[in-house]
C-alpha cells in the first residue's frame, strides 16, 4: 500500500504543475475566442 501512495504522490506533485504550466503557455484544444473568425466549425 505505501508504494501505491508514493506513486500517486509523485504523479500529482510532478504531473499536475506540469499540466498547469503547459496550459498557461498554449491552448491545446483551441478554445480561445477569435473575433475575426467567420465560423468556429472545424
C-alpha atoms as a PDB file:
ATOM      1  CA  UNK A   1       0.000   0.000   0.000  1.00  0.00           C
ATOM      2  CA  UNK A   2       2.753   2.571   0.719  1.00  0.00           C
ATOM      3  CA  UNK A   3       4.132   2.002  -2.773  1.00  0.00           C
ATOM      4  CA  UNK A   4       0.814   2.974  -4.373  1.00  0.00           C
ATOM      5  CA  UNK A   5       0.651   6.085  -2.168  1.00  0.00           C
ATOM      6  CA  UNK A   6       4.180   7.075  -3.163  1.00  0.00           C
ATOM      7  CA  UNK A   7       3.423   6.651  -6.864  1.00  0.00           C
ATOM      8  CA  UNK A   8       0.242   8.732  -6.510  1.00  0.00           C
ATOM      9  CA  UNK A   9       2.112  11.477  -4.647  1.00  0.00           C
ATOM     10  CA  UNK A  10       4.873  11.620  -7.265  1.00  0.00           C
ATOM     11  CA  UNK A  11       2.296  11.745 -10.036  1.00  0.00           C
ATOM     12  CA  UNK A  12       0.320  14.602  -8.506  1.00  0.00           C
ATOM     13  CA  UNK A  13       3.398  16.561  -7.402  1.00  0.00           C
ATOM     14  CA  UNK A  14       5.100  16.263 -10.801  1.00  0.00           C
ATOM     15  CA  UNK A  15       2.392  15.980 -13.441  1.00  0.00           C
ATOM     16  CA  UNK A  16      -0.163  18.449 -12.081  1.00  0.00           C
ATOM     17  CA  UNK A  17       2.136  21.521 -12.094  1.00  0.00           C
ATOM     18  CA  UNK A  18       3.484  20.467 -15.491  1.00  0.00           C
ATOM     19  CA  UNK A  19      -0.056  20.352 -16.866  1.00  0.00           C
ATOM     20  CA  UNK A  20      -0.888  23.756 -15.398  1.00  0.00           C
ATOM     21  CA  UNK A  21       2.230  25.281 -16.973  1.00  0.00           C
ATOM     22  CA  UNK A  22       1.547  23.646 -20.332  1.00  0.00           C
ATOM     23  CA  UNK A  23      -1.980  25.085 -20.384  1.00  0.00           C
ATOM     24  CA  UNK A  24      -0.714  28.552 -19.472  1.00  0.00           C
ATOM     25  CA  UNK A  25       1.694  28.538 -22.441  1.00  0.00           C
ATOM     26  CA  UNK A  26      -0.599  27.124 -25.141  1.00  0.00           C
ATOM     27  CA  UNK A  27      -4.236  26.223 -25.716  1.00  0.00           C
ATOM     28  CA  UNK A  28      -4.245  22.513 -26.683  1.00  0.00           C
ATOM     29  CA  UNK A  29      -7.973  22.456 -27.507  1.00  0.00           C
ATOM     30  CA  UNK A  30      -8.013  25.793 -29.374  1.00  0.00           C
ATOM     31  CA  UNK A  31     -10.691  27.205 -27.100  1.00  0.00           C
ATOM     32  CA  UNK A  32      -9.703  30.845 -27.489  1.00  0.00           C
ATOM     33  CA  UNK A  33     -12.217  33.266 -28.920  1.00  0.00           C
ATOM     34  CA  UNK A  34     -11.247  34.678 -32.336  1.00  0.00           C
ATOM     35  CA  UNK A  35     -13.186  37.866 -33.116  1.00  0.00           C
ATOM     36  CA  UNK A  36     -12.306  37.761 -36.846  1.00  0.00           C
ATOM     37  CA  UNK A  37     -13.367  34.138 -37.320  1.00  0.00           C
ATOM     38  CA  UNK A  38     -16.347  33.650 -39.616  1.00  0.00           C
ATOM     39  CA  UNK A  39     -17.091  30.236 -38.106  1.00  0.00           C
ATOM     40  CA  UNK A  40     -15.823  28.021 -35.322  1.00  0.00           C
ATOM     41  CA  UNK A  41     -16.761  24.789 -37.082  1.00  0.00           C
ATOM     42  CA  UNK A  42     -13.731  22.546 -37.579  1.00  0.00           C
END
